[in-house]
Amino acid sequence: MKTEPQHRDSIKQTIKSLVERKVKLTRDRREYKLRTRPLVDRSPEALYERHSFFLNLDSRRANVRSDIRHTLLLYGYLRGRDYKQIEKKCRDDNFPRPSKIVACARDHEVKLIQNDVERWLQGEPSPWRHEPPAAEAAA
């Protein structure tokens, strides 16, 4: 199987825009933290506002981070890379969700089968791997 170049370019652009969004959220967090650091106003309302700001921003950052990870895994899967090449270490409680990878593929108009993605995450080679023709491999 082979992906169309426009699909790969679209996925790369998505990754770049997600990274830019995460960088912006991180900068916003840092600026807000520096701006409110003296904590002159220790009223419950001010502390609640600060806490809710960080809670909201950190949850958005976590969502963007997850989107970046699953989109990168989709790109690696479509390029025929082994999962262990992309993520050398992964805790058991932080294993990627195949359904999210398939959803990312659907967003880019690439049809994937979730069972293939699950097998790829377990260590099988990607069906999208580009094998050289037999004549080139023998030479």
Protein backbone atom coordinates (compact mmCIF):
# COMPACT_ATOMS: atom_id res chain seq x y z
CA MET A 1 0.00 0.00 0.00
CA LYS A 2 1.17 3.50 -0.72
CA THR A 3 -0.02 6.83 0.60
CA GLU A 4 -0.56 9.79 -1.62
CA PRO A 5 1.96 12.63 -1.21
CA GLN A 6 -0.82 15.12 -0.45
CA HIS A 7 -1.93 12.94 2.49
CA ARG A 8 1.58 12.87 3.92
CA ASP A 9 1.95 16.62 3.40
CA SER A 10 -1.40 17.21 5.08
CA ILE A 11 -0.36 15.11 8.09
CA LYS A 12 2.96 16.98 8.33
CA GLN A 13 1.16 20.32 8.24
CA THR A 14 -1.19 19.13 10.98
CA ILE A 15 1.75 18.12 13.16
CA LYS A 16 3.39 21.51 12.63
CA SER A 17 0.22 23.41 13.50
CA LEU A 18 -0.36 21.28 16.62
CA VAL A 19 3.20 21.92 17.79
CA GLU A 20 2.77 25.66 17.21
CA ARG A 21 -0.46 25.59 19.23
CA LYS A 22 1.25 23.76 22.11
CA VAL A 23 4.15 26.24 22.08
CA LYS A 24 1.68 29.12 22.22
CA LEU A 25 -0.20 27.55 25.14
CA THR A 26 3.08 26.99 26.98
CA ARG A 27 4.10 30.61 26.43
CA ASP A 28 0.70 31.83 27.62
CA ARG A 29 1.07 29.72 30.75
CA ARG A 30 4.55 31.07 31.47
CA GLU A 31 3.48 34.69 30.90
CA TYR A 32 0.45 34.35 33.15
CA LYS A 33 2.53 32.69 35.83
CA LEU A 34 5.12 35.48 35.76
CA ARG A 35 2.43 38.14 35.71
CA THR A 36 0.60 36.71 38.74
CA ARG A 37 3.63 35.39 40.61
CA PRO A 38 3.81 37.95 43.43
CA LEU A 39 0.32 36.80 44.51
CA VAL A 40 -0.39 40.17 46.07
CA ASP A 41 -4.09 39.44 46.02
CA ARG A 42 -4.57 36.30 48.11
CA SER A 43 -8.33 36.51 48.17
CA PRO A 44 -10.19 33.26 47.54
CA GLU A 45 -11.57 34.67 44.28
CA ALA A 46 -8.10 35.53 42.96
CA LEU A 47 -6.68 32.14 43.97
CA TYR A 48 -9.65 30.38 42.39
CA GLU A 49 -9.21 32.37 39.17
CA ARG A 50 -5.51 31.49 39.02
CA HIS A 51 -6.18 27.83 39.77
CA SER A 52 -8.94 27.57 37.17
CA PHE A 53 -6.76 29.29 34.56
CA PHE A 54 -3.98 26.72 35.04
CA LEU A 55 -6.42 23.83 35.18
CA ASN A 56 -8.08 24.87 31.92
CA LEU A 57 -4.80 25.63 30.14
CA ASP A 58 -3.09 22.44 31.30
CA SER A 59 -5.99 20.28 30.12
CA ARG A 60 -5.86 21.95 26.69
CA ARG A 61 -2.09 21.41 26.56
CA ALA A 62 -2.55 17.74 27.45
CA ASN A 63 -5.12 17.31 24.67
CA VAL A 64 -2.81 18.95 22.13
CA ARG A 65 0.11 16.80 23.33
CA SER A 66 -2.00 13.67 22.84
CA ASP A 67 -3.05 14.83 19.35
CA ILE A 68 0.59 15.44 18.42
CA ARG A 69 1.61 11.99 19.63
CA HIS A 70 -1.14 10.12 17.79
CA THR A 71 -0.63 12.11 14.59
CA LEU A 72 3.11 11.36 14.69
CA LEU A 73 2.31 7.67 15.19
CA LEU A 74 -0.05 7.80 12.21
CA TYR A 75 2.68 9.38 10.09
CA GLY A 76 5.19 6.72 11.15
CA TYR A 77 2.67 3.95 10.50
CA LEU A 78 1.99 5.23 7.00
CA ARG A 79 5.72 5.56 6.33
CA GLY A 80 6.18 1.88 7.27
CA ARG A 81 8.21 2.51 10.43
CA ASP A 82 8.13 0.04 13.31
CA TYR A 83 6.34 1.28 16.39
CA LYS A 84 9.43 0.63 18.54
CA GLN A 85 11.46 2.86 16.20
CA ILE A 86 9.11 5.73 16.94
CA GLU A 87 8.61 5.18 20.68
CA LYS A 88 11.46 3.25 22.20
CA LYS A 89 9.92 3.33 25.69
CA CYS A 90 6.29 3.47 26.73
CA ARG A 91 4.74 2.75 30.10
CA ASP A 92 1.89 0.26 30.15
CA ASP A 93 -0.51 2.90 31.45
CA ASN A 94 0.45 5.31 28.65
CA PHE A 95 0.00 3.03 25.65
CA PRO A 96 -1.31 4.82 22.51
CA ARG A 97 -4.95 4.35 21.58
CA PRO A 98 -5.43 2.68 18.18
CA SER A 99 -8.88 4.25 17.84
CA LYS A 100 -7.34 7.71 18.09
CA ILE A 101 -4.77 6.88 15.38
CA VAL A 102 -7.58 5.64 13.12
CA ALA A 103 -9.57 8.83 13.85
CA CYS A 104 -6.53 10.94 12.87
CA ALA A 105 -6.29 8.94 9.64
CA ARG A 106 -9.98 9.53 8.95
CA ASP A 107 -9.42 13.28 9.37
CA HIS A 108 -6.81 13.06 6.58
CA GLU A 109 -8.97 10.86 4.34
CA VAL A 110 -6.80 7.77 4.81
CA LYS A 111 -8.64 4.52 5.42
CA LEU A 112 -7.12 2.33 8.13
CA ILE A 113 -8.30 -0.81 9.85
CA GLN A 114 -8.08 -0.61 13.62
CA ASN A 115 -6.98 -4.26 13.95
CA ASP A 116 -3.98 -3.56 11.68
CA VAL A 117 -3.01 -0.58 13.85
CA GLU A 118 -3.36 -2.70 17.02
CA ARG A 119 -1.12 -5.40 15.56
CA TRP A 120 1.40 -2.73 14.52
CA LEU A 121 1.47 -1.39 18.07
CA GLN A 122 2.12 -4.94 19.33
CA GLY A 123 5.22 -5.22 17.14
CA GLU A 124 4.12 -6.51 13.73
CA PRO A 125 5.40 -4.64 10.66
CA SER A 126 3.19 -2.01 9.11
CA PRO A 127 1.30 -3.13 6.00
CA TRP A 128 2.29 0.24 4.55
CA ARG A 129 5.98 -0.76 4.60
CA HIS A 130 7.62 -0.13 1.26
CA GLU A 131 9.56 -3.27 0.39
CA PRO A 132 12.10 -3.00 -2.44
CA PRO A 133 11.43 -5.22 -5.45
CA ALA A 134 13.04 -8.68 -5.26
CA ALA A 135 15.59 -7.83 -8.01
CA GLU A 136 16.88 -4.80 -6.06
CA ALA A 137 16.99 -6.71 -2.77
CA ALA A 138 19.12 -9.49 -4.30
CA ALA A 139 21.64 -7.06 -5.79
